[in-house]
């Protein structure tokens, strides 16, 4: 049983990173910390997709006489696109946080909500 758990260490890392990112997004009142949590969460999803792409005994998807089984290249392509989207999302979120700071003078979510009452 312990060998099975240790053999899937990348999934345990994925779950741990995802929970850390989710906690930061939900529990932290600071908007910058929420963005950092979102980035950690996205990194966990990237790790998950790359982990499921690897096939035991698989090779690169190149025509080769010794290749019996190939790794799936699609998750890697999707992750490249997701990384671009992640960077863009972070940039837009940081730009919005700058606008929020200029309007309210703070980036603490609870203080902003209190000002809007």
C-alpha atoms as a PDB file:
ATOM      1  CA  UNK A   1       0.000   0.000   0.000  1.00  0.00           C
ATOM      2  CA  UNK A   2       2.774   2.429   0.897  1.00  0.00           C
ATOM      3  CA  UNK A   3       4.481   1.706  -2.440  1.00  0.00           C
ATOM      4  CA  UNK A   4       1.289   2.676  -4.267  1.00  0.00           C
ATOM      5  CA  UNK A   5       1.108   5.972  -2.374  1.00  0.00           C
ATOM      6  CA  UNK A   6       4.772   6.761  -2.981  1.00  0.00           C
ATOM      7  CA  UNK A   7       4.478   5.844  -6.652  1.00  0.00           C
ATOM      8  CA  UNK A   8       1.851   8.555  -7.098  1.00  0.00           C
ATOM      9  CA  UNK A   9       3.839  11.334  -5.413  1.00  0.00           C
ATOM     10  CA  UNK A  10       3.163  13.777  -8.256  1.00  0.00           C
ATOM     11  CA  UNK A  11      -0.578  13.526  -7.582  1.00  0.00           C
ATOM     12  CA  UNK A  12      -0.007  14.223  -3.874  1.00  0.00           C
ATOM     13  CA  UNK A  13       2.005  17.307  -4.812  1.00  0.00           C
ATOM     14  CA  UNK A  14      -0.775  18.344  -7.194  1.00  0.00           C
ATOM     15  CA  UNK A  15      -3.439  17.966  -4.498  1.00  0.00           C
ATOM     16  CA  UNK A  16      -1.331  19.826  -1.926  1.00  0.00           C
ATOM     17  CA  UNK A  17      -0.619  22.728  -4.283  1.00  0.00           C
ATOM     18  CA  UNK A  18      -4.250  22.917  -5.299  1.00  0.00           C
ATOM     19  CA  UNK A  19      -5.440  23.088  -1.695  1.00  0.00           C
ATOM     20  CA  UNK A  20      -2.832  25.743  -0.813  1.00  0.00           C
ATOM     21  CA  UNK A  21      -3.926  27.854  -3.772  1.00  0.00           C
ATOM     22  CA  UNK A  22      -7.611  27.347  -3.020  1.00  0.00           C
ATOM     23  CA  UNK A  23      -7.086  28.296   0.635  1.00  0.00           C
ATOM     24  CA  UNK A  24      -5.225  31.455  -0.362  1.00  0.00           C
ATOM     25  CA  UNK A  25      -7.994  32.465  -2.752  1.00  0.00           C
ATOM     26  CA  UNK A  26     -10.777  31.896  -0.227  1.00  0.00           C
ATOM     27  CA  UNK A  27      -9.280  32.856   3.131  1.00  0.00           C
ATOM     28  CA  UNK A  28      -6.928  35.767   2.444  1.00  0.00           C
ATOM     29  CA  UNK A  29      -8.433  39.279   2.416  1.00  0.00           C
ATOM     30  CA  UNK A  30      -5.483  40.813   0.534  1.00  0.00           C
ATOM     31  CA  UNK A  31      -6.121  40.926  -3.207  1.00  0.00           C
ATOM     32  CA  UNK A  32      -2.456  40.339  -4.127  1.00  0.00           C
ATOM     33  CA  UNK A  33      -2.424  37.194  -1.975  1.00  0.00           C
ATOM     34  CA  UNK A  34      -5.563  36.033  -3.783  1.00  0.00           C
ATOM     35  CA  UNK A  35      -3.768  36.432  -7.123  1.00  0.00           C
ATOM     36  CA  UNK A  36      -0.787  34.471  -5.802  1.00  0.00           C
ATOM     37  CA  UNK A  37      -3.212  31.756  -4.648  1.00  0.00           C
ATOM     38  CA  UNK A  38      -4.786  31.689  -8.096  1.00  0.00           C
ATOM     39  CA  UNK A  39      -1.346  31.233  -9.672  1.00  0.00           C
ATOM     40  CA  UNK A  40      -0.514  28.374  -7.296  1.00  0.00           C
ATOM     41  CA  UNK A  41      -3.860  26.753  -8.139  1.00  0.00           C
ATOM     42  CA  UNK A  42      -3.176  27.103 -11.866  1.00  0.00           C
ATOM     43  CA  UNK A  43       0.282  25.580 -11.442  1.00  0.00           C
ATOM     44  CA  UNK A  44      -1.306  22.589  -9.710  1.00  0.00           C
ATOM     45  CA  UNK A  45      -3.627  22.092 -12.671  1.00  0.00           C
ATOM     46  CA  UNK A  46      -0.646  22.290 -15.051  1.00  0.00           C
ATOM     47  CA  UNK A  47       1.125  19.598 -13.038  1.00  0.00           C
ATOM     48  CA  UNK A  48      -1.962  17.407 -13.134  1.00  0.00           C
ATOM     49  CA  UNK A  49      -2.328  17.629 -16.908  1.00  0.00           C
ATOM     50  CA  UNK A  50       1.354  16.931 -17.492  1.00  0.00           C
ATOM     51  CA  UNK A  51       1.188  13.978 -15.075  1.00  0.00           C
ATOM     52  CA  UNK A  52      -1.660  12.308 -16.927  1.00  0.00           C
ATOM     53  CA  UNK A  53       0.116  12.746 -20.264  1.00  0.00           C
ATOM     54  CA  UNK A  54       2.947  10.367 -19.381  1.00  0.00           C
ATOM     55  CA  UNK A  55       2.315   6.732 -20.274  1.00  0.00           C
ATOM     56  CA  UNK A  56       4.419   4.059 -18.602  1.00  0.00           C
ATOM     57  CA  UNK A  57       6.817   2.754 -21.235  1.00  0.00           C
ATOM     58  CA  UNK A  58       5.732   5.400 -23.702  1.00  0.00           C
ATOM     59  CA  UNK A  59       8.031   7.326 -25.984  1.00  0.00           C
ATOM     60  CA  UNK A  60       7.855  10.660 -27.734  1.00  0.00           C
ATOM     61  CA  UNK A  61       5.171  10.661 -30.455  1.00  0.00           C
ATOM     62  CA  UNK A  62       7.699  10.306 -33.268  1.00  0.00           C
ATOM     63  CA  UNK A  63       7.557   7.531 -35.862  1.00  0.00           C
ATOM     64  CA  UNK A  64      10.208   5.065 -34.728  1.00  0.00           C
ATOM     65  CA  UNK A  65      10.571   1.321 -35.271  1.00  0.00           C
ATOM     66  CA  UNK A  66      11.274   0.611 -31.555  1.00  0.00           C
ATOM     67  CA  UNK A  67       8.308   2.659 -30.314  1.00  0.00           C
ATOM     68  CA  UNK A  68       5.433   0.464 -29.193  1.00  0.00           C
ATOM     69  CA  UNK A  69       3.456   2.963 -27.183  1.00  0.00           C
ATOM     70  CA  UNK A  70       3.428   6.760 -27.397  1.00  0.00           C
ATOM     71  CA  UNK A  71       2.927   9.486 -24.805  1.00  0.00           C
ATOM     72  CA  UNK A  72      -0.052  11.727 -25.382  1.00  0.00           C
ATOM     73  CA  UNK A  73       1.166  15.123 -26.700  1.00  0.00           C
ATOM     74  CA  UNK A  74      -2.203  16.885 -26.400  1.00  0.00           C
ATOM     75  CA  UNK A  75      -1.953  17.814 -22.671  1.00  0.00           C
ATOM     76  CA  UNK A  76       1.420  19.455 -23.283  1.00  0.00           C
ATOM     77  CA  UNK A  77      -0.036  21.577 -26.056  1.00  0.00           C
ATOM     78  CA  UNK A  78      -2.993  22.531 -23.873  1.00  0.00           C
ATOM     79  CA  UNK A  79      -0.644  23.490 -21.036  1.00  0.00           C
ATOM     80  CA  UNK A  80       1.302  25.837 -23.311  1.00  0.00           C
ATOM     81  CA  UNK A  81      -1.957  27.601 -24.098  1.00  0.00           C
ATOM     82  CA  UNK A  82      -2.978  27.575 -20.430  1.00  0.00           C
ATOM     83  CA  UNK A  83       0.316  29.179 -19.395  1.00  0.00           C
ATOM     84  CA  UNK A  84      -0.306  32.056 -21.797  1.00  0.00           C
ATOM     85  CA  UNK A  85      -3.838  32.452 -20.449  1.00  0.00           C
ATOM     86  CA  UNK A  86      -2.501  32.308 -16.878  1.00  0.00           C
ATOM     87  CA  UNK A  87       0.017  35.089 -17.482  1.00  0.00           C
ATOM     88  CA  UNK A  88      -2.647  37.196 -19.194  1.00  0.00           C
ATOM     89  CA  UNK A  89      -5.123  36.637 -16.372  1.00  0.00           C
ATOM     90  CA  UNK A  90      -2.501  37.617 -13.802  1.00  0.00           C
ATOM     91  CA  UNK A  91      -1.635  40.788 -15.705  1.00  0.00           C
ATOM     92  CA  UNK A  92      -5.271  41.847 -15.992  1.00  0.00           C
ATOM     93  CA  UNK A  93      -5.917  41.050 -12.321  1.00  0.00           C
ATOM     94  CA  UNK A  94      -2.916  43.109 -11.212  1.00  0.00           C
ATOM     95  CA  UNK A  95      -4.043  46.013 -13.405  1.00  0.00           C
ATOM     96  CA  UNK A  96      -7.492  45.841 -11.790  1.00  0.00           C
ATOM     97  CA  UNK A  97      -5.921  45.771  -8.335  1.00  0.00           C
ATOM     98  CA  UNK A  98      -3.991  48.949  -9.185  1.00  0.00           C
ATOM     99  CA  UNK A  99      -7.282  50.625 -10.214  1.00  0.00           C
ATOM    100  CA  UNK A 100      -8.946  49.406  -7.016  1.00  0.00           C
ATOM    101  CA  UNK A 101      -6.083  50.769  -4.925  1.00  0.00           C
ATOM    102  CA  UNK A 102      -6.329  54.160  -6.634  1.00  0.00           C
ATOM    103  CA  UNK A 103     -10.095  54.267  -6.044  1.00  0.00           C
ATOM    104  CA  UNK A 104     -10.216  52.959  -2.452  1.00  0.00           C
ATOM    105  CA  UNK A 105      -6.701  53.446  -1.080  1.00  0.00           C
ATOM    106  CA  UNK A 106      -6.464  49.808   0.021  1.00  0.00           C
ATOM    107  CA  UNK A 107      -6.268  46.299  -1.401  1.00  0.00           C
ATOM    108  CA  UNK A 108      -7.878  44.573   1.581  1.00  0.00           C
ATOM    109  CA  UNK A 109     -11.166  43.024   0.474  1.00  0.00           C
ATOM    110  CA  UNK A 110     -12.974  43.438   3.790  1.00  0.00           C
ATOM    111  CA  UNK A 111     -12.139  47.158   3.985  1.00  0.00           C
ATOM    112  CA  UNK A 112     -13.309  47.694   0.403  1.00  0.00           C
ATOM    113  CA  UNK A 113     -16.594  45.930   1.110  1.00  0.00           C
ATOM    114  CA  UNK A 114     -17.011  48.005   4.286  1.00  0.00           C
ATOM    115  CA  UNK A 115     -16.540  51.225   2.286  1.00  0.00           C
ATOM    116  CA  UNK A 116     -19.270  50.200  -0.156  1.00  0.00           C
ATOM    117  CA  UNK A 117     -21.952  49.824   2.527  1.00  0.00           C
END
